[in-house]
N, C-alpha and C. Protein backbone atom coordinates (compact mmCIF):
# COMPACT_ATOMS: atom_id res chain seq x y z
N UNK A 1 -1.46 9.36 7.58
CA UNK A 1 -0.92 9.40 6.22
C UNK A 1 0.52 9.29 6.33
N UNK A 2 1.15 8.63 5.30
CA UNK A 2 2.59 8.50 5.29
C UNK A 2 3.22 9.62 4.50
N UNK A 3 4.20 10.30 5.10
CA UNK A 3 4.92 11.35 4.35
C UNK A 3 5.94 10.82 3.32
N UNK A 4 6.75 9.77 3.64
CA UNK A 4 7.76 9.26 2.84
C UNK A 4 7.65 7.72 2.81
N UNK A 5 7.83 7.06 1.69
CA UNK A 5 7.81 5.70 1.55
C UNK A 5 9.22 5.29 0.86
N UNK A 6 9.96 4.50 1.49
CA UNK A 6 11.28 4.12 0.98
C UNK A 6 11.03 2.67 0.43
N UNK A 7 11.56 2.45 -0.78
CA UNK A 7 11.28 1.10 -1.40
C UNK A 7 12.56 0.39 -1.69
N UNK A 8 12.58 -0.90 -1.20
CA UNK A 8 13.59 -1.85 -1.66
C UNK A 8 12.90 -2.53 -2.84
N UNK A 9 13.24 -2.31 -4.04
CA UNK A 9 12.47 -2.82 -5.16
C UNK A 9 12.51 -4.46 -5.26
N UNK A 10 11.63 -5.03 -5.90
CA UNK A 10 11.70 -6.46 -6.20
C UNK A 10 13.04 -6.90 -6.88
N UNK A 11 13.57 -7.93 -6.39
CA UNK A 11 14.90 -8.42 -6.96
C UNK A 11 14.67 -9.84 -7.40
N UNK A 12 14.72 -9.96 -8.73
CA UNK A 12 14.44 -11.30 -9.37
C UNK A 12 15.61 -12.30 -8.98
N UNK A 13 16.84 -11.82 -8.92
CA UNK A 13 17.85 -12.76 -8.66
C UNK A 13 18.69 -12.22 -7.49
N UNK A 14 18.37 -12.44 -6.23
CA UNK A 14 19.08 -11.94 -5.08
C UNK A 14 20.25 -12.90 -4.74
N UNK A 15 21.40 -12.34 -4.73
CA UNK A 15 22.60 -13.08 -4.47
C UNK A 15 22.52 -13.54 -3.02
N UNK A 16 21.96 -12.90 -2.15
CA UNK A 16 21.94 -13.41 -0.74
C UNK A 16 20.99 -14.59 -0.55
N UNK A 17 19.87 -14.63 -1.26
CA UNK A 17 18.99 -15.68 -1.24
C UNK A 17 19.55 -16.89 -1.84
N UNK A 18 20.36 -16.71 -2.89
CA UNK A 18 20.85 -17.83 -3.64
C UNK A 18 21.95 -18.58 -2.80
N UNK A 19 22.76 -17.73 -1.96
CA UNK A 19 23.87 -18.38 -1.26
C UNK A 19 23.43 -18.81 0.22
N UNK A 20 22.61 -17.96 0.82
CA UNK A 20 22.30 -18.15 2.24
C UNK A 20 20.81 -18.58 2.44
N UNK A 21 20.05 -18.47 1.37
CA UNK A 21 18.64 -18.77 1.57
C UNK A 21 17.99 -17.67 2.26
N UNK A 22 18.55 -16.43 2.35
CA UNK A 22 17.95 -15.31 3.08
C UNK A 22 17.92 -14.09 2.14
N UNK A 23 17.24 -13.16 2.59
CA UNK A 23 17.32 -11.74 1.99
C UNK A 23 17.93 -10.90 2.97
N UNK A 24 18.77 -10.03 2.57
CA UNK A 24 19.41 -9.03 3.44
C UNK A 24 18.54 -7.89 3.69
N UNK A 25 18.46 -7.40 4.90
CA UNK A 25 17.54 -6.32 5.23
C UNK A 25 18.17 -5.07 4.55
N UNK A 26 17.27 -4.10 4.14
CA UNK A 26 17.78 -2.84 3.48
C UNK A 26 18.32 -1.87 4.53
N UNK A 27 19.55 -2.06 5.04
CA UNK A 27 19.99 -1.21 6.11
C UNK A 27 20.08 0.22 5.77
N UNK A 28 20.52 0.49 4.54
CA UNK A 28 20.65 1.85 3.99
C UNK A 28 19.26 2.59 4.20
N UNK A 29 18.15 1.99 3.78
CA UNK A 29 16.83 2.57 3.89
C UNK A 29 16.46 2.69 5.33
N UNK A 30 16.87 1.74 6.17
CA UNK A 30 16.66 1.89 7.59
C UNK A 30 17.29 3.14 8.20
N UNK A 31 18.53 3.40 7.81
CA UNK A 31 19.27 4.55 8.28
C UNK A 31 18.62 5.91 7.86
N UNK A 32 18.18 5.90 6.60
CA UNK A 32 17.46 7.10 6.06
C UNK A 32 16.17 7.30 6.78
N UNK A 33 15.42 6.20 7.02
CA UNK A 33 14.16 6.30 7.65
C UNK A 33 14.36 6.78 9.10
N UNK A 34 15.38 6.35 9.76
CA UNK A 34 15.63 6.80 11.16
C UNK A 34 15.83 8.34 11.23
N UNK A 35 16.71 8.83 10.28
CA UNK A 35 17.00 10.23 10.30
C UNK A 35 15.65 10.99 10.00
N UNK A 36 14.89 10.54 8.90
CA UNK A 36 13.69 11.24 8.65
C UNK A 36 12.72 11.22 9.88
N UNK A 37 12.55 10.05 10.59
CA UNK A 37 11.71 9.98 11.67
C UNK A 37 12.14 10.97 12.76
N UNK A 38 13.41 11.15 13.01
CA UNK A 38 13.94 12.09 13.97
C UNK A 38 13.57 13.54 13.68
N UNK A 39 13.46 13.75 12.36
CA UNK A 39 13.02 15.20 12.01
C UNK A 39 11.53 15.26 11.90
N UNK A 40 10.77 14.24 12.32
CA UNK A 40 9.33 14.34 12.48
C UNK A 40 8.53 13.81 11.31
N UNK A 41 9.15 13.18 10.34
CA UNK A 41 8.28 12.62 9.20
C UNK A 41 7.82 11.26 9.58
N UNK A 42 6.62 10.97 8.97
CA UNK A 42 6.16 9.59 9.12
C UNK A 42 6.65 8.86 7.93
N UNK A 43 7.42 7.70 8.21
CA UNK A 43 8.01 6.96 7.17
C UNK A 43 7.70 5.55 7.15
N UNK A 44 7.52 4.93 5.93
CA UNK A 44 7.25 3.60 5.87
C UNK A 44 8.35 2.95 4.87
N UNK A 45 8.70 1.74 5.09
CA UNK A 45 9.60 0.98 4.16
C UNK A 45 8.88 -0.14 3.54
N UNK A 46 8.92 -0.35 2.24
CA UNK A 46 8.45 -1.44 1.50
C UNK A 46 9.61 -2.32 1.09
N UNK A 47 9.88 -3.49 1.73
CA UNK A 47 11.01 -4.44 1.45
C UNK A 47 10.43 -5.52 0.61
N UNK A 48 10.32 -5.13 -0.76
CA UNK A 48 9.69 -6.15 -1.70
C UNK A 48 10.40 -7.47 -1.71
N UNK A 49 11.74 -7.65 -1.76
CA UNK A 49 12.24 -8.99 -1.82
C UNK A 49 11.94 -9.81 -0.49
N UNK A 50 11.89 -9.23 0.56
CA UNK A 50 11.62 -9.91 1.89
C UNK A 50 10.13 -10.42 1.87
N UNK A 51 9.29 -9.45 1.26
CA UNK A 51 7.84 -9.76 1.31
C UNK A 51 7.44 -10.60 0.08
N UNK A 52 8.40 -10.77 -0.85
CA UNK A 52 8.11 -11.46 -2.06
C UNK A 52 7.01 -10.75 -2.89
N UNK A 53 7.17 -9.44 -3.04
CA UNK A 53 6.22 -8.58 -3.70
C UNK A 53 6.65 -8.36 -5.23
N UNK A 54 5.67 -8.33 -6.11
CA UNK A 54 6.01 -7.99 -7.50
C UNK A 54 6.02 -6.44 -7.62
N UNK A 55 6.30 -6.03 -8.76
CA UNK A 55 6.23 -4.56 -9.04
C UNK A 55 4.77 -4.11 -8.97
N UNK A 56 3.82 -4.86 -9.41
CA UNK A 56 2.39 -4.53 -9.28
C UNK A 56 1.99 -4.53 -7.86
N UNK A 57 2.39 -5.45 -7.07
CA UNK A 57 2.11 -5.45 -5.57
C UNK A 57 2.56 -4.10 -4.93
N UNK A 58 3.81 -3.71 -5.20
CA UNK A 58 4.36 -2.48 -4.77
C UNK A 58 3.50 -1.28 -5.18
N UNK A 59 3.14 -1.30 -6.45
CA UNK A 59 2.28 -0.24 -6.94
C UNK A 59 0.95 -0.10 -6.16
N UNK A 60 0.30 -1.24 -5.96
CA UNK A 60 -0.87 -1.24 -5.23
C UNK A 60 -0.71 -0.63 -3.88
N UNK A 61 0.33 -1.06 -3.10
CA UNK A 61 0.55 -0.59 -1.82
C UNK A 61 0.74 0.93 -1.79
N UNK A 62 1.50 1.43 -2.82
CA UNK A 62 1.71 2.82 -2.89
C UNK A 62 0.42 3.63 -3.21
N UNK A 63 -0.49 3.13 -3.97
CA UNK A 63 -1.71 3.70 -4.21
C UNK A 63 -2.52 3.86 -2.93
N UNK A 64 -2.45 2.96 -2.04
CA UNK A 64 -3.20 2.90 -0.77
C UNK A 64 -2.60 3.88 0.20
N UNK A 65 -1.23 4.08 0.20
CA UNK A 65 -0.59 4.93 1.14
C UNK A 65 -0.57 6.33 0.78
N UNK A 66 -0.53 6.56 -0.56
CA UNK A 66 -0.58 7.95 -1.13
C UNK A 66 0.52 8.88 -0.41
N UNK A 67 1.86 8.46 -0.48
CA UNK A 67 2.90 9.26 0.23
C UNK A 67 3.09 10.57 -0.52
N UNK A 68 3.76 11.53 0.13
CA UNK A 68 4.20 12.72 -0.50
C UNK A 68 5.50 12.53 -1.28
N UNK A 69 6.35 11.69 -0.77
CA UNK A 69 7.65 11.40 -1.43
C UNK A 69 7.90 9.87 -1.40
N UNK A 70 8.47 9.49 -2.55
CA UNK A 70 8.88 8.02 -2.63
C UNK A 70 10.39 8.05 -2.96
N UNK A 71 11.12 7.12 -2.19
CA UNK A 71 12.55 6.93 -2.44
C UNK A 71 12.76 5.49 -2.78
N UNK A 72 13.56 5.29 -3.77
CA UNK A 72 13.99 3.98 -4.22
C UNK A 72 15.46 3.71 -4.08
């Protein structure tokens, strides 16, 4: 079971994708996840822009994971 899920929400108009053809990784969420993991929490990150997920896709994933805490 996942204690914490951190979400990079879907981004309809990513400035990085427009200029570079890429999506930037959510470094801030990675830093937060690293600290939480060091404290013993089980953490997952949903990077919706990189995975090309819609809001509904994110919701379905959250329903399956049933986390205690969600961070956006």
